[in-house]
Structure formats: C-alpha cells, structure tokens
C-alpha atoms as a PDB file:
ATOM      1  CA  MET A   1      92.370   9.152  53.682  1.00  0.00           C
ATOM      2  CA  LYS A   2      94.081  12.196  55.192  1.00  0.00           C
ATOM      3  CA  ASP A   3      91.285  13.351  57.505  1.00  0.00           C
ATOM      4  CA  SER A   4      87.533  13.165  57.975  1.00  0.00           C
ATOM      5  CA  VAL A   5      85.024  15.983  57.504  1.00  0.00           C
ATOM      6  CA  ALA A   6      81.661  16.705  59.102  1.00  0.00           C
ATOM      7  CA  ALA A   7      79.224  19.607  59.064  1.00  0.00           C
ATOM      8  CA  VAL A   8      76.287  20.851  61.109  1.00  0.00           C
ATOM      9  CA  SER A   9      73.804  23.659  61.014  1.00  0.00           C
ATOM     10  CA  ILE A  10      72.953  25.526  64.173  1.00  0.00           C
ATOM     11  CA  GLY A  11      70.694  28.430  64.917  1.00  0.00           C
ATOM     12  CA  ILE A  12      68.637  30.421  67.333  1.00  0.00           C
ATOM     13  CA  VAL A  13      64.910  29.704  67.143  1.00  0.00           C
ATOM     14  CA  ASP A  14      62.498  31.251  69.639  1.00  0.00           C
ATOM     15  CA  GLY A  15      65.466  32.254  71.812  1.00  0.00           C
ATOM     16  CA  LYS A  16      66.893  28.722  71.969  1.00  0.00           C
ATOM     17  CA  ILE A  17      70.046  27.408  70.330  1.00  0.00           C
ATOM     18  CA  LEU A  18      69.226  24.344  68.215  1.00  0.00           C
ATOM     19  CA  LEU A  19      71.646  21.951  66.525  1.00  0.00           C
ATOM     20  CA  ASP A  20      70.940  20.534  63.040  1.00  0.00           C
ATOM     21  CA  LEU A  21      67.867  22.566  62.265  1.00  0.00           C
ATOM     22  CA  CYS A  22      65.147  20.974  60.167  1.00  0.00           C
ATOM     23  CA  TYR A  23      63.543  23.023  57.377  1.00  0.00           C
ATOM     24  CA  GLU A  24      60.739  24.310  59.597  1.00  0.00           C
ATOM     25  CA  GLU A  25      63.186  25.463  62.299  1.00  0.00           C
ATOM     26  CA  ASP A  26      65.583  26.937  59.740  1.00  0.00           C
ATOM     27  CA  SER A  27      62.822  28.920  58.038  1.00  0.00           C
ATOM     28  CA  LYS A  28      61.928  30.712  61.276  1.00  0.00           C
ATOM     29  CA  ALA A  29      65.419  31.011  62.786  1.00  0.00           C
ATOM     30  CA  ASP A  30      66.588  34.385  64.074  1.00  0.00           C
ATOM     31  CA  VAL A  31      70.168  33.243  63.443  1.00  0.00           C
ATOM     32  CA  ASP A  32      71.392  30.532  61.091  1.00  0.00           C
ATOM     33  CA  MET A  33      74.982  29.221  61.095  1.00  0.00           C
ATOM     34  CA  ASN A  34      76.902  26.413  59.422  1.00  0.00           C
ATOM     35  CA  PHE A  35      80.098  24.823  60.669  1.00  0.00           C
ATOM     36  CA  VAL A  36      82.299  22.432  58.688  1.00  0.00           C
ATOM     37  CA  MET A  37      85.307  20.885  60.434  1.00  0.00           C
ATOM     38  CA  THR A  38      87.928  18.226  59.970  1.00  0.00           C
ATOM     39  CA  GLY A  39      88.400  15.264  62.264  1.00  0.00           C
ATOM     40  CA  SER A  40      91.550  16.918  63.584  1.00  0.00           C
ATOM     41  CA  GLY A  41      89.484  19.890  64.777  1.00  0.00           C
ATOM     42  CA  LYS A  42      90.318  22.421  62.083  1.00  0.00           C
ATOM     43  CA  PHE A  43      87.681  24.676  60.568  1.00  0.00           C
ATOM     44  CA  ILE A  44      86.865  24.429  56.884  1.00  0.00           C
ATOM     45  CA  GLU A  45      83.898  26.776  56.910  1.00  0.00           C
ATOM     46  CA  VAL A  46      82.026  28.962  59.369  1.00  0.00           C
ATOM     47  CA  GLN A  47      79.087  30.884  57.955  1.00  0.00           C
ATOM     48  CA  GLY A  48      76.459  32.739  59.894  1.00  0.00           C
ATOM     49  CA  THR A  49      73.605  35.098  59.202  1.00  0.00           C
ATOM     50  CA  ALA A  50      71.349  37.127  61.432  1.00  0.00           C
ATOM     51  CA  GLU A  51      68.113  36.354  59.605  1.00  0.00           C
ATOM     52  CA  SER A  52      65.765  38.482  61.690  1.00  0.00           C
ATOM     53  CA  ALA A  53      67.732  39.545  64.777  1.00  0.00           C
ATOM     54  CA  PRO A  54      71.418  40.242  65.417  1.00  0.00           C
ATOM     55  CA  PHE A  55      73.354  38.000  67.787  1.00  0.00           C
ATOM     56  CA  THR A  56      76.034  38.615  70.393  1.00  0.00           C
ATOM     57  CA  LYS A  57      79.570  37.277  70.495  1.00  0.00           C
ATOM     58  CA  LYS A  58      78.554  35.273  73.571  1.00  0.00           C
ATOM     59  CA  GLN A  59      75.743  33.624  71.581  1.00  0.00           C
ATOM     60  CA  MET A  60      78.098  32.976  68.663  1.00  0.00           C
ATOM     61  CA  ASP A  61      80.691  31.397  70.969  1.00  0.00           C
ATOM     62  CA  HIS A  62      77.994  29.201  72.534  1.00  0.00           C
ATOM     63  CA  MET A  63      76.749  28.130  69.090  1.00  0.00           C
ATOM     64  CA  ALA A  64      80.350  27.312  68.084  1.00  0.00           C
ATOM     65  CA  GLU A  65      80.778  25.124  71.196  1.00  0.00           C
ATOM     66  CA  ILE A  66      77.551  23.232  70.544  1.00  0.00           C
ATOM     67  CA  ALA A  67      78.394  22.859  66.850  1.00  0.00           C
ATOM     68  CA  GLN A  68      81.840  21.452  67.694  1.00  0.00           C
ATOM     69  CA  GLN A  69      80.247  18.896  70.036  1.00  0.00           C
ATOM     70  CA  GLY A  70      77.770  17.897  67.319  1.00  0.00           C
ATOM     71  CA  ILE A  71      80.575  17.517  64.804  1.00  0.00           C
ATOM     72  CA  LYS A  72      82.526  15.354  67.261  1.00  0.00           C
ATOM     73  CA  GLU A  73      79.498  13.039  67.515  1.00  0.00           C
ATOM     74  CA  LEU A  74      79.228  12.819  63.713  1.00  0.00           C
ATOM     75  CA  LEU A  75      82.945  12.084  63.378  1.00  0.00           C
ATOM     76  CA  LYS A  76      82.645   9.368  66.038  1.00  0.00           C
ATOM     77  CA  ALA A  77      79.791   7.772  64.079  1.00  0.00           C
ATOM     78  CA  GLN A  78      81.844   7.973  60.874  1.00  0.00           C
ATOM     79  CA  LYS A  79      84.752   6.185  62.556  1.00  0.00           C
ATOM     80  CA  GLN A  80      82.448   3.441  63.838  1.00  0.00           C
ATOM     81  CA  VAL A  81      81.017   2.845  60.368  1.00  0.00           C
ATOM     82  CA  LEU A  82      84.454   2.789  58.769  1.00  0.00           C
ATOM     83  CA  ALA A  83      85.762   0.407  61.438  1.00  0.00           C
ATOM     84  CA  SER A  84      82.865  -1.960  60.790  1.00  0.00           C
ATOM     85  CA  LEU A  85      83.839  -2.182  57.115  1.00  0.00           C
ATOM     86  CA  HIS A  86      87.237  -3.702  57.871  1.00  0.00           C
END
C-alpha cells in the first residue's frame, strides 16, 4: 500500500460548523463541503457549495482545519485496525 485515504463532510448548519454531517444536518446546511486526503496530508478532493448562503474565506479556512483534524482521526483509526490484523 502506497498511502491511506480518508474523507469527511463538513458544513455550516444554523451558524455552526459541523463535521461529518448526517442526512438531516446536510439537508439544511447553509454550506456543504467534502474533503478527501491522503495519509501523507495531500488533498485528493475539495468540493464545497453554498447551498443557501455564501461563506467567507475565514469560514472556509476554519472548515478546512476542522476537516483535516477529522481526517487525521480517521487515518489514526485505520492504522490501528491495520496494525491489529498483523
């Protein structure tokens, strides 16, 4: 395996930034974004849409930071599972 991959959704719902939105949250999000990254920290995909309200660069940067932290947690969990298989 060359590298790992993980993805999260993130959005702004009722003025709050939420990580890994469920369907109900996603359906009423003002902003909806997806981040896909490798274990080495490189971006594969960044996609975002202002569903009902535009967002600022500051909000986008904050969502990117939170998404990267969420992806790090997923990658950590992946490594733990893979390590337990050996």
